[in-house]
PDB file of N, CA and C in Angstrom:
ATOM      1  N   MET A   1       0.788  -1.199   0.017  1.00  0.00           N
ATOM      2  CA  MET A   1      -0.034   0.095   0.125  1.00  0.00           C
ATOM      3  C   MET A   1       0.874   1.210   0.090  1.00  0.00           C
ATOM      4  N   GLY A   2       0.594   2.205  -0.630  1.00  0.00           N
ATOM      5  CA  GLY A   2       1.466   3.321  -0.758  1.00  0.00           C
ATOM      6  C   GLY A   2       1.139   4.241   0.338  1.00  0.00           C
ATOM      7  N   ASN A   3       2.239   5.257   0.404  1.00  0.00           N
ATOM      8  CA  ASN A   3       2.184   6.154   1.544  1.00  0.00           C
ATOM      9  C   ASN A   3       0.864   7.032   1.600  1.00  0.00           C
ATOM     10  N   VAL A   4       0.311   7.450   0.645  1.00  0.00           N
ATOM     11  CA  VAL A   4      -0.897   8.149   0.421  1.00  0.00           C
ATOM     12  C   VAL A   4      -1.965   7.343   0.533  1.00  0.00           C
ATOM     13  N   ASP A   5      -2.162   6.255   0.101  1.00  0.00           N
ATOM     14  CA  ASP A   5      -3.455   5.257   0.537  1.00  0.00           C
ATOM     15  C   ASP A   5      -3.391   4.995   2.057  1.00  0.00           C
ATOM     16  N   GLN A   6      -2.286   4.696   2.415  1.00  0.00           N
ATOM     17  CA  GLN A   6      -1.993   4.429   4.066  1.00  0.00           C
ATOM     18  C   GLN A   6      -2.631   5.811   4.833  1.00  0.00           C
ATOM     19  N   ARG A   7      -2.036   6.899   4.322  1.00  0.00           N
ATOM     20  CA  ARG A   7      -2.422   8.096   4.953  1.00  0.00           C
ATOM     21  C   ARG A   7      -3.894   8.327   5.025  1.00  0.00           C
ATOM     22  N   LYS A   8      -4.402   8.234   3.865  1.00  0.00           N
ATOM     23  CA  LYS A   8      -5.887   8.341   3.621  1.00  0.00           C
ATOM     24  C   LYS A   8      -6.732   7.410   4.674  1.00  0.00           C
ATOM     25  N   LEU A   9      -6.275   6.087   4.587  1.00  0.00           N
ATOM     26  CA  LEU A   9      -6.831   5.060   5.369  1.00  0.00           C
ATOM     27  C   LEU A   9      -6.805   5.469   6.907  1.00  0.00           C
ATOM     28  N   LEU A  10      -5.734   5.586   7.403  1.00  0.00           N
ATOM     29  CA  LEU A  10      -5.516   5.903   9.016  1.00  0.00           C
ATOM     30  C   LEU A  10      -6.316   7.062   9.269  1.00  0.00           C
ATOM     31  N   SER A  11      -6.162   8.073   8.435  1.00  0.00           N
ATOM     32  CA  SER A  11      -7.054   9.331   8.719  1.00  0.00           C
ATOM     33  C   SER A  11      -8.649   9.146   8.770  1.00  0.00           C
ATOM     34  N   VAL A  12      -8.860   8.399   7.730  1.00  0.00           N
ATOM     35  CA  VAL A  12     -10.498   8.003   7.665  1.00  0.00           C
ATOM     36  C   VAL A  12     -10.776   7.284   8.832  1.00  0.00           C
ATOM     37  N   LEU A  13      -9.984   6.338   9.283  1.00  0.00           N
ATOM     38  CA  LEU A  13     -10.294   5.484  10.499  1.00  0.00           C
ATOM     39  C   LEU A  13     -10.488   6.346  11.655  1.00  0.00           C
ATOM     40  N   CYS A  14      -9.547   7.219  11.960  1.00  0.00           N
ATOM     41  CA  CYS A  14      -9.510   8.249  13.175  1.00  0.00           C
ATOM     42  C   CYS A  14     -10.796   9.016  13.218  1.00  0.00           C
ATOM     43  N   HIS A  15     -11.259   9.604  11.884  1.00  0.00           N
ATOM     44  CA  HIS A  15     -12.296  10.510  11.790  1.00  0.00           C
ATOM     45  C   HIS A  15     -13.566   9.686  11.754  1.00  0.00           C
ATOM     46  N   GLY A  16     -13.594   8.411  11.228  1.00  0.00           N
ATOM     47  CA  GLY A  16     -14.744   7.528  11.213  1.00  0.00           C
ATOM     48  C   GLY A  16     -15.056   6.725  12.479  1.00  0.00           C
ATOM     49  N   SER A  17     -13.996   6.762  13.497  1.00  0.00           N
ATOM     50  CA  SER A  17     -14.182   5.946  14.619  1.00  0.00           C
ATOM     51  C   SER A  17     -15.496   6.135  15.250  1.00  0.00           C
ATOM     52  N   ILE A  18     -15.802   7.349  15.162  1.00  0.00           N
ATOM     53  CA  ILE A  18     -16.953   7.794  16.069  1.00  0.00           C
ATOM     54  C   ILE A  18     -18.250   7.081  15.760  1.00  0.00           C
ATOM     55  N   PHE A  19     -18.271   6.479  14.514  1.00  0.00           N
ATOM     56  CA  PHE A  19     -19.230   5.782  14.218  1.00  0.00           C
ATOM     57  C   PHE A  19     -19.406   4.112  14.575  1.00  0.00           C
ATOM     58  N   PHE A  20     -18.172   3.540  15.191  1.00  0.00           N
ATOM     59  CA  PHE A  20     -18.274   2.517  15.573  1.00  0.00           C
ATOM     60  C   PHE A  20     -19.124   2.167  16.969  1.00  0.00           C
ATOM     61  N   SER A  21     -19.146   2.977  17.630  1.00  0.00           N
ATOM     62  CA  SER A  21     -19.709   3.264  18.944  1.00  0.00           C
ATOM     63  C   SER A  21     -19.455   4.335  19.744  1.00  0.00           C
ATOM     64  N   TYR A  22     -20.089   4.763  20.864  1.00  0.00           N
ATOM     65  CA  TYR A  22     -19.804   5.689  21.848  1.00  0.00           C
ATOM     66  C   TYR A  22     -19.248   5.013  23.081  1.00  0.00           C
ATOM     67  N   THR A  23     -18.455   4.095  22.849  1.00  0.00           N
ATOM     68  CA  THR A  23     -17.587   3.398  23.795  1.00  0.00           C
ATOM     69  C   THR A  23     -16.312   3.623  23.810  1.00  0.00           C
ATOM     70  N   ILE A  24     -15.427   2.993  24.306  1.00  0.00           N
ATOM     71  CA  ILE A  24     -13.793   3.316  24.575  1.00  0.00           C
ATOM     72  C   ILE A  24     -13.370   3.045  23.169  1.00  0.00           C
ATOM     73  N   LEU A  25     -14.140   2.135  22.161  1.00  0.00           N
ATOM     74  CA  LEU A  25     -13.408   1.843  20.750  1.00  0.00           C
ATOM     75  C   LEU A  25     -13.481   3.133  19.831  1.00  0.00           C
ATOM     76  N   SER A  26     -14.438   3.785  20.095  1.00  0.00           N
ATOM     77  CA  SER A  26     -14.238   5.153  19.215  1.00  0.00           C
ATOM     78  C   SER A  26     -13.075   6.112  19.626  1.00  0.00           C
ATOM     79  N   ILE A  27     -12.565   6.182  20.740  1.00  0.00           N
ATOM     80  CA  ILE A  27     -11.386   6.907  21.035  1.00  0.00           C
ATOM     81  C   ILE A  27     -10.351   6.167  21.134  1.00  0.00           C
ATOM     82  N   GLY A  28     -10.498   4.655  21.199  1.00  0.00           N
ATOM     83  CA  GLY A  28      -9.233   4.013  21.118  1.00  0.00           C
ATOM     84  C   GLY A  28      -8.697   3.873  19.664  1.00  0.00           C
ATOM     85  N   VAL A  29      -9.525   3.866  18.864  1.00  0.00           N
ATOM     86  CA  VAL A  29      -8.491   3.950  17.415  1.00  0.00           C
ATOM     87  C   VAL A  29      -7.648   4.985  17.137  1.00  0.00           C
ATOM     88  N   PRO A  30      -8.389   6.257  17.387  1.00  0.00           N
ATOM     89  CA  PRO A  30      -7.515   7.567  16.990  1.00  0.00           C
ATOM     90  C   PRO A  30      -6.090   7.383  18.014  1.00  0.00           C
ATOM     91  N   ILE A  31      -6.385   6.885  19.341  1.00  0.00           N
ATOM     92  CA  ILE A  31      -4.952   6.892  20.252  1.00  0.00           C
ATOM     93  C   ILE A  31      -4.149   5.890  19.793  1.00  0.00           C
ATOM     94  N   VAL A  32      -4.635   4.880  19.252  1.00  0.00           N
ATOM     95  CA  VAL A  32      -3.675   3.741  18.818  1.00  0.00           C
ATOM     96  C   VAL A  32      -3.085   4.103  17.485  1.00  0.00           C
ATOM     97  N   VAL A  33      -3.519   5.013  16.455  1.00  0.00           N
ATOM     98  CA  VAL A  33      -3.191   5.475  15.300  1.00  0.00           C
ATOM     99  C   VAL A  33      -2.004   6.414  15.801  1.00  0.00           C
ATOM    100  N   LEU A  34      -2.465   7.421  16.852  1.00  0.00           N
ATOM    101  CA  LEU A  34      -1.540   8.383  17.019  1.00  0.00           C
ATOM    102  C   LEU A  34      -0.204   7.786  17.605  1.00  0.00           C
ATOM    103  N   LEU A  35      -0.210   6.984  18.493  1.00  0.00           N
ATOM    104  CA  LEU A  35       1.037   6.037  19.252  1.00  0.00           C
ATOM    105  C   LEU A  35       1.572   5.316  18.085  1.00  0.00           C
ATOM    106  N   THR A  36       1.200   4.915  16.947  1.00  0.00           N
ATOM    107  CA  THR A  36       1.866   3.750  16.042  1.00  0.00           C
ATOM    108  C   THR A  36       2.334   4.530  14.760  1.00  0.00           C
ATOM    109  N   THR A  37       1.761   5.650  14.465  1.00  0.00           N
ATOM    110  CA  THR A  37       2.185   6.180  13.034  1.00  0.00           C
ATOM    111  C   THR A  37       3.252   7.020  13.224  1.00  0.00           C
ATOM    112  N   ASP A  38       4.048   7.254  12.079  1.00  0.00           N
ATOM    113  CA  ASP A  38       5.099   8.300  12.231  1.00  0.00           C
ATOM    114  C   ASP A  38       4.776   9.402  11.142  1.00  0.00           C
ATOM    115  N   ASP A  39       3.784   9.123  10.488  1.00  0.00           N
ATOM    116  CA  ASP A  39       3.199  10.213   9.584  1.00  0.00           C
ATOM    117  C   ASP A  39       2.640  11.302  10.295  1.00  0.00           C
ATOM    118  N   SER A  40       3.268  12.584  10.125  1.00  0.00           N
ATOM    119  CA  SER A  40       2.551  13.828  10.784  1.00  0.00           C
ATOM    120  C   SER A  40       1.317  14.272  10.389  1.00  0.00           C
ATOM    121  N   VAL A  41       0.933  14.041   9.294  1.00  0.00           N
ATOM    122  CA  VAL A  41      -0.423  14.386   8.827  1.00  0.00           C
ATOM    123  C   VAL A  41      -1.598  13.368   9.648  1.00  0.00           C
ATOM    124  N   VAL A  42      -1.269  12.136   9.576  1.00  0.00           N
ATOM    125  CA  VAL A  42      -1.898  11.178  10.242  1.00  0.00           C
ATOM    126  C   VAL A  42      -2.064  11.609  11.743  1.00  0.00           C
ATOM    127  N   LYS A  43      -1.033  11.905  12.589  1.00  0.00           N
ATOM    128  CA  LYS A  43      -1.187  12.062  13.784  1.00  0.00           C
ATOM    129  C   LYS A  43      -1.846  13.514  14.040  1.00  0.00           C
ATOM    130  N   GLU A  44      -1.731  14.379  13.282  1.00  0.00           N
ATOM    131  CA  GLU A  44      -2.556  15.629  13.320  1.00  0.00           C
ATOM    132  C   GLU A  44      -4.098  15.427  13.313  1.00  0.00           C
ATOM    133  N   ASN A  45      -4.301  14.479  12.273  1.00  0.00           N
ATOM    134  CA  ASN A  45      -5.789  13.982  12.014  1.00  0.00           C
ATOM    135  C   ASN A  45      -6.241  13.269  13.382  1.00  0.00           C
ATOM    136  N   ALA A  46      -5.446  12.244  13.920  1.00  0.00           N
ATOM    137  CA  ALA A  46      -5.877  11.720  15.013  1.00  0.00           C
ATOM    138  C   ALA A  46      -6.022  12.565  16.263  1.00  0.00           C
ATOM    139  N   LYS A  47      -5.186  13.551  16.499  1.00  0.00           N
ATOM    140  CA  LYS A  47      -5.118  14.399  17.536  1.00  0.00           C
ATOM    141  C   LYS A  47      -6.612  15.229  17.453  1.00  0.00           C
ATOM    142  N   GLU A  48      -7.077  15.605  16.313  1.00  0.00           N
ATOM    143  CA  GLU A  48      -8.222  16.589  16.213  1.00  0.00           C
ATOM    144  C   GLU A  48      -9.205  15.485  16.080  1.00  0.00           C
ATOM    145  N   SER A  49      -9.157  14.308  15.650  1.00  0.00           N
ATOM    146  CA  SER A  49     -10.261  13.447  16.191  1.00  0.00           C
ATOM    147  C   SER A  49     -10.499  13.099  17.517  1.00  0.00           C
ATOM    148  N   LEU A  50      -9.571  12.977  18.199  1.00  0.00           N
ATOM    149  CA  LEU A  50      -9.513  12.977  19.685  1.00  0.00           C
ATOM    150  C   LEU A  50     -10.171  13.977  20.400  1.00  0.00           C
ATOM    151  N   ASN A  51      -9.907  15.252  19.930  1.00  0.00           N
ATOM    152  CA  ASN A  51     -10.478  16.540  20.579  1.00  0.00           C
ATOM    153  C   ASN A  51     -11.804  16.554  20.177  1.00  0.00           C
ATOM    154  N   PHE A  52     -12.178  16.201  19.017  1.00  0.00           N
ATOM    155  CA  PHE A  52     -13.672  16.217  18.456  1.00  0.00           C
ATOM    156  C   PHE A  52     -14.432  15.059  19.683  1.00  0.00           C
ATOM    157  N   HIS A  53     -13.915  14.110  19.857  1.00  0.00           N
ATOM    158  CA  HIS A  53     -14.628  12.987  20.552  1.00  0.00           C
ATOM    159  C   HIS A  53     -14.778  13.538  21.972  1.00  0.00           C
ATOM    160  N   ILE A  54     -13.713  14.167  22.553  1.00  0.00           N
ATOM    161  CA  ILE A  54     -13.835  14.878  23.808  1.00  0.00           C
ATOM    162  C   ILE A  54     -14.695  15.800  23.974  1.00  0.00           C
ATOM    163  N   ASN A  55     -14.610  16.855  23.008  1.00  0.00           N
ATOM    164  CA  ASN A  55     -15.781  17.871  22.824  1.00  0.00           C
ATOM    165  C   ASN A  55     -17.238  17.500  23.063  1.00  0.00           C
ATOM    166  N   ILE A  56     -17.504  16.387  22.203  1.00  0.00           N
ATOM    167  CA  ILE A  56     -18.923  16.068  21.790  1.00  0.00           C
ATOM    168  C   ILE A  56     -19.512  15.292  23.335  1.00  0.00           C
ATOM    169  N   PHE A  57     -18.361  14.577  23.986  1.00  0.00           N
ATOM    170  CA  PHE A  57     -18.687  14.081  25.280  1.00  0.00           C
ATOM    171  C   PHE A  57     -18.892  15.066  26.242  1.00  0.00           C
ATOM    172  N   ILE A  58     -18.031  16.038  26.333  1.00  0.00           N
ATOM    173  CA  ILE A  58     -18.295  17.282  27.436  1.00  0.00           C
ATOM    174  C   ILE A  58     -19.677  17.944  26.881  1.00  0.00           C
ATOM    175  N   TYR A  59     -20.107  18.260  25.701  1.00  0.00           N
ATOM    176  CA  TYR A  59     -21.237  18.951  25.324  1.00  0.00           C
ATOM    177  C   TYR A  59     -22.451  18.027  25.713  1.00  0.00           C
ATOM    178  N   VAL A  60     -22.378  16.589  25.583  1.00  0.00           N
ATOM    179  CA  VAL A  60     -23.382  15.702  25.894  1.00  0.00           C
ATOM    180  C   VAL A  60     -23.556  15.735  27.395  1.00  0.00           C
ATOM    181  N   VAL A  61     -22.531  15.764  28.159  1.00  0.00           N
ATOM    182  CA  VAL A  61     -22.745  15.623  29.653  1.00  0.00           C
ATOM    183  C   VAL A  61     -23.358  17.023  30.040  1.00  0.00           C
ATOM    184  N   ILE A  62     -22.980  18.195  29.582  1.00  0.00           N
ATOM    185  CA  ILE A  62     -23.678  19.526  29.787  1.00  0.00           C
ATOM    186  C   ILE A  62     -25.190  19.384  29.396  1.00  0.00           C
ATOM    187  N   SER A  63     -25.570  19.010  28.204  1.00  0.00           N
ATOM    188  CA  SER A  63     -26.824  18.710  27.809  1.00  0.00           C
ATOM    189  C   SER A  63     -27.778  18.062  28.647  1.00  0.00           C
ATOM    190  N   VAL A  64     -27.197  16.801  29.131  1.00  0.00           N
ATOM    191  CA  VAL A  64     -27.838  16.062  30.122  1.00  0.00           C
ATOM    192  C   VAL A  64     -28.088  16.838  31.448  1.00  0.00           C
ATOM    193  N   LEU A  65     -27.092  17.372  31.880  1.00  0.00           N
ATOM    194  CA  LEU A  65     -27.333  18.298  33.091  1.00  0.00           C
ATOM    195  C   LEU A  65     -28.295  19.354  32.929  1.00  0.00           C
ATOM    196  N   LEU A  66     -28.509  19.716  31.741  1.00  0.00           N
ATOM    197  CA  LEU A  66     -29.565  20.899  31.454  1.00  0.00           C
ATOM    198  C   LEU A  66     -31.004  20.215  31.106  1.00  0.00           C
ATOM    199  N   ILE A  67     -31.004  19.065  31.007  1.00  0.00           N
ATOM    200  CA  ILE A  67     -32.414  18.465  31.024  1.00  0.00           C
ATOM    201  C   ILE A  67     -33.282  19.105  31.776  1.00  0.00           C
ATOM    202  N   ALA A  68     -32.933  19.396  33.028  1.00  0.00           N
ATOM    203  CA  ALA A  68     -34.133  19.798  34.044  1.00  0.00           C
ATOM    204  C   ALA A  68     -34.551  21.134  33.811  1.00  0.00           C
ATOM    205  N   VAL A  69     -33.948  21.945  32.829  1.00  0.00           N
ATOM    206  CA  VAL A  69     -34.268  23.151  32.318  1.00  0.00           C
ATOM    207  C   VAL A  69     -34.961  22.994  30.931  1.00  0.00           C
ATOM    208  N   LEU A  70     -35.029  22.013  30.569  1.00  0.00           N
ATOM    209  CA  LEU A  70     -35.759  21.733  29.332  1.00  0.00           C
ATOM    210  C   LEU A  70     -35.125  22.413  27.936  1.00  0.00           C
ATOM    211  N   ILE A  71     -33.627  22.931  28.248  1.00  0.00           N
ATOM    212  CA  ILE A  71     -33.033  23.171  26.969  1.00  0.00           C
ATOM    213  C   ILE A  71     -31.848  22.112  26.697  1.00  0.00           C
ATOM    214  N   GLY A  72     -31.822  21.162  27.646  1.00  0.00           N
ATOM    215  CA  GLY A  72     -30.909  19.986  27.127  1.00  0.00           C
ATOM    216  C   GLY A  72     -31.533  19.160  26.168  1.00  0.00           C
ATOM    217  N   ILE A  73     -32.762  18.957  26.164  1.00  0.00           N
ATOM    218  CA  ILE A  73     -33.357  17.846  25.052  1.00  0.00           C
ATOM    219  C   ILE A  73     -32.859  18.497  23.592  1.00  0.00           C
ATOM    220  N   PRO A  74     -33.090  19.751  23.428  1.00  0.00           N
ATOM    221  CA  PRO A  74     -32.805  20.237  21.837  1.00  0.00           C
ATOM    222  C   PRO A  74     -31.293  20.109  21.711  1.00  0.00           C
ATOM    223  N   LEU A  75     -30.630  20.656  22.917  1.00  0.00           N
ATOM    224  CA  LEU A  75     -29.120  20.475  22.768  1.00  0.00           C
ATOM    225  C   LEU A  75     -28.596  19.041  22.151  1.00  0.00           C
ATOM    226  N   LEU A  76     -28.992  17.941  23.092  1.00  0.00           N
ATOM    227  CA  LEU A  76     -28.847  16.699  22.900  1.00  0.00           C
ATOM    228  C   LEU A  76     -29.038  16.255  21.370  1.00  0.00           C
ATOM    229  N   PHE A  77     -30.158  16.874  20.782  1.00  0.00           N
ATOM    230  CA  PHE A  77     -30.542  16.568  19.381  1.00  0.00           C
ATOM    231  C   PHE A  77     -29.457  17.184  18.406  1.00  0.00           C
ATOM    232  N   VAL A  78     -29.219  18.270  18.815  1.00  0.00           N
ATOM    233  CA  VAL A  78     -28.113  19.293  17.861  1.00  0.00           C
ATOM    234  C   VAL A  78     -26.933  18.463  18.123  1.00  0.00           C
ATOM    235  N   PHE A  79     -26.479  18.123  19.216  1.00  0.00           N
ATOM    236  CA  PHE A  79     -25.026  17.548  19.337  1.00  0.00           C
ATOM    237  C   PHE A  79     -25.154  15.896  18.645  1.00  0.00           C
ATOM    238  N   GLY A  80     -26.149  15.415  18.502  1.00  0.00           N
ATOM    239  CA  GLY A  80     -26.299  14.075  17.937  1.00  0.00           C
ATOM    240  C   GLY A  80     -26.062  14.257  16.401  1.00  0.00           C
ATOM    241  N   ILE A  81     -26.754  15.323  16.048  1.00  0.00           N
ATOM    242  CA  ILE A  81     -26.813  15.601  14.519  1.00  0.00           C
ATOM    243  C   ILE A  81     -25.290  15.953  14.280  1.00  0.00           C
ATOM    244  N   VAL A  82     -24.643  16.774  14.798  1.00  0.00           N
ATOM    245  CA  VAL A  82     -23.334  17.401  14.743  1.00  0.00           C
ATOM    246  C   VAL A  82     -22.395  16.142  14.637  1.00  0.00           C
ATOM    247  N   SER A  83     -22.582  15.289  15.727  1.00  0.00           N
ATOM    248  CA  SER A  83     -21.504  14.012  15.717  1.00  0.00           C
ATOM    249  C   SER A  83     -21.520  13.263  14.799  1.00  0.00           C
ATOM    250  N   ILE A  84     -22.761  13.169  13.811  1.00  0.00           N
ATOM    251  CA  ILE A  84     -22.941  12.489  12.537  1.00  0.00           C
ATOM    252  C   ILE A  84     -22.365  13.302  11.430  1.00  0.00           C
ATOM    253  N   ILE A  85     -22.657  14.516  11.341  1.00  0.00           N
ATOM    254  CA  ILE A  85     -22.373  15.251  10.112  1.00  0.00           C
ATOM    255  C   ILE A  85     -20.897  15.447  10.016  1.00  0.00           C
ATOM    256  N   MET A  86     -20.425  16.145  11.313  1.00  0.00           N
ATOM    257  CA  MET A  86     -18.847  16.541  11.379  1.00  0.00           C
ATOM    258  C   MET A  86     -18.194  15.538  10.562  1.00  0.00           C
ATOM    259  N   PRO A  87     -17.881  14.026  11.263  1.00  0.00           N
ATOM    260  CA  PRO A  87     -16.930  13.409  10.926  1.00  0.00           C
ATOM    261  C   PRO A  87     -17.201  12.921   9.345  1.00  0.00           C
ATOM    262  N   ILE A  88     -18.264  13.023   8.692  1.00  0.00           N
ATOM    263  CA  ILE A  88     -18.687  12.698   7.321  1.00  0.00           C
ATOM    264  C   ILE A  88     -17.762  13.692   6.627  1.00  0.00           C
ATOM    265  N   ILE A  89     -17.990  14.846   6.987  1.00  0.00           N
ATOM    266  CA  ILE A  89     -17.571  16.091   6.283  1.00  0.00           C
ATOM    267  C   ILE A  89     -15.916  15.965   6.516  1.00  0.00           C
ATOM    268  N   ALA A  90     -15.305  15.469   7.700  1.00  0.00           N
ATOM    269  CA  ALA A  90     -13.792  15.458   7.875  1.00  0.00           C
ATOM    270  C   ALA A  90     -13.590  14.277   6.804  1.00  0.00           C
ATOM    271  N   ILE A  91     -14.179  13.112   6.786  1.00  0.00           N
ATOM    272  CA  ILE A  91     -13.583  11.782   6.025  1.00  0.00           C
ATOM    273  C   ILE A  91     -13.793  12.455   4.451  1.00  0.00           C
ATOM    274  N   VAL A  92     -14.799  13.226   3.805  1.00  0.00           N
ATOM    275  CA  VAL A  92     -14.635  13.773   2.498  1.00  0.00           C
ATOM    276  C   VAL A  92     -13.521  14.433   2.521  1.00  0.00           C
ATOM    277  N   LYS A  93     -13.358  15.405   3.219  1.00  0.00           N
ATOM    278  CA  LYS A  93     -12.101  16.508   3.084  1.00  0.00           C
ATOM    279  C   LYS A  93     -10.769  15.812   3.365  1.00  0.00           C
ATOM    280  N   VAL A  94     -10.547  14.887   3.706  1.00  0.00           N
ATOM    281  CA  VAL A  94      -9.383  13.797   4.109  1.00  0.00           C
ATOM    282  C   VAL A  94      -9.307  13.037   2.841  1.00  0.00           C
ATOM    283  N   LEU A  95     -10.319  12.579   2.161  1.00  0.00           N
ATOM    284  CA  LEU A  95     -10.198  11.617   0.967  1.00  0.00           C
ATOM    285  C   LEU A  95      -9.936  12.623  -0.263  1.00  0.00           C
ATOM    286  N   ASP A  96     -10.301  14.041  -0.126  1.00  0.00           N
ATOM    287  CA  ASP A  96     -10.242  14.885  -1.160  1.00  0.00           C
ATOM    288  C   ASP A  96      -8.634  15.208  -1.265  1.00  0.00           C
ATOM    289  N   ASN A  97      -8.178  15.801   0.025  1.00  0.00           N
ATOM    290  CA  ASN A  97      -6.808  16.077  -0.012  1.00  0.00           C
ATOM    291  C   ASN A  97      -5.911  15.548   1.454  1.00  0.00           C
ATOM    292  N   SER A  98      -5.342  14.507   1.299  1.00  0.00           N
ATOM    293  CA  SER A  98      -4.753  13.776   2.267  1.00  0.00           C
ATOM    294  C   SER A  98      -3.658  14.391   2.738  1.00  0.00           C
ATOM    295  N   ASP A  99      -3.082  15.547   2.040  1.00  0.00           N
ATOM    296  CA  ASP A  99      -1.742  16.283   2.679  1.00  0.00           C
ATOM    297  C   ASP A  99      -2.059  17.328   3.591  1.00  0.00           C
ATOM    298  N   ILE A 100      -3.314  17.609   3.972  1.00  0.00           N
ATOM    299  CA  ILE A 100      -3.562  18.694   4.629  1.00  0.00           C
ATOM    300  C   ILE A 100      -4.572  18.033   5.846  1.00  0.00           C
ATOM    301  N   PRO A 101      -4.197  18.019   7.211  1.00  0.00           N
ATOM    302  CA  PRO A 101      -4.924  17.607   8.171  1.00  0.00           C
ATOM    303  C   PRO A 101      -6.515  18.360   8.339  1.00  0.00           C
ATOM    304  N   TYR A 102      -7.442  17.718   8.477  1.00  0.00           N
ATOM    305  CA  TYR A 102      -8.702  18.378   8.982  1.00  0.00           C
ATOM    306  C   TYR A 102      -8.803  18.995  10.147  1.00  0.00           C
ATOM    307  N   LYS A 103      -9.342  20.180  10.280  1.00  0.00           N
ATOM    308  CA  LYS A 103      -9.441  20.684  11.733  1.00  0.00           C
ATOM    309  C   LYS A 103     -11.041  20.955  11.598  1.00  0.00           C
ATOM    310  N   TYR A 104     -11.636  20.619  12.762  1.00  0.00           N
ATOM    311  CA  TYR A 104     -13.030  20.733  13.197  1.00  0.00           C
ATOM    312  C   TYR A 104     -13.319  21.997  13.631  1.00  0.00           C
ATOM    313  N   PRO A 105     -14.401  22.644  13.075  1.00  0.00           N
ATOM    314  CA  PRO A 105     -14.621  24.077  13.587  1.00  0.00           C
ATOM    315  C   PRO A 105     -15.400  23.981  14.988  1.00  0.00           C
ATOM    316  N   PHE A 106     -15.015  25.161  15.774  1.00  0.00           N
ATOM    317  CA  PHE A 106     -15.910  25.266  16.979  1.00  0.00           C
ATOM    318  C   PHE A 106     -15.722  24.356  18.123  1.00  0.00           C
ATOM    319  N   ILE A 107     -14.363  23.601  17.936  1.00  0.00           N
ATOM    320  CA  ILE A 107     -14.058  22.763  19.105  1.00  0.00           C
ATOM    321  C   ILE A 107     -12.762  23.370  20.071  1.00  0.00           C
ATOM    322  N   PHE A 108     -12.814  22.887  21.312  1.00  0.00           N
ATOM    323  CA  PHE A 108     -11.544  23.084  21.987  1.00  0.00           C
ATOM    324  C   PHE A 108     -10.627  22.096  21.817  1.00  0.00           C
ATOM    325  N   ARG A 109      -9.348  22.546  21.522  1.00  0.00           N
ATOM    326  CA  ARG A 109      -8.140  21.609  21.296  1.00  0.00           C
ATOM    327  C   ARG A 109      -7.528  21.493  22.622  1.00  0.00           C
ATOM    328  N   PHE A 110      -7.452  19.849  22.965  1.00  0.00           N
ATOM    329  CA  PHE A 110      -6.790  19.543  24.169  1.00  0.00           C
ATOM    330  C   PHE A 110      -5.322  19.273  23.884  1.00  0.00           C
ATOM    331  N   PHE A 111      -5.086  18.544  22.616  1.00  0.00           N
ATOM    332  CA  PHE A 111      -4.060  17.936  22.268  1.00  0.00           C
ATOM    333  C   PHE A 111      -3.415  18.810  20.968  1.00  0.00           C
TER     334      PHE A 111
END
């Protein structure tokens, strides 16, 4: 497999791992890729994917806490939609240009 194909595959796996489940597997894939690859673009995509997963988790926890004031239910719906659409956009962008790491908008970057 060529370097570009491997870069695309690993980057798509990182961004698409959110579709596996909302368990440890979804963040485990980017962590494993981050620790095992030498490609700087793939590492950046793995970091960005981890940041997105952490942000979605934090936003869902806040939304659940806000359910008592009835604003949490619409927020959960919005974050559910965002957690589906944004990784799809990331996958398309990575497949279109694998030389530039994808950056999610409106997230806090921890890594």
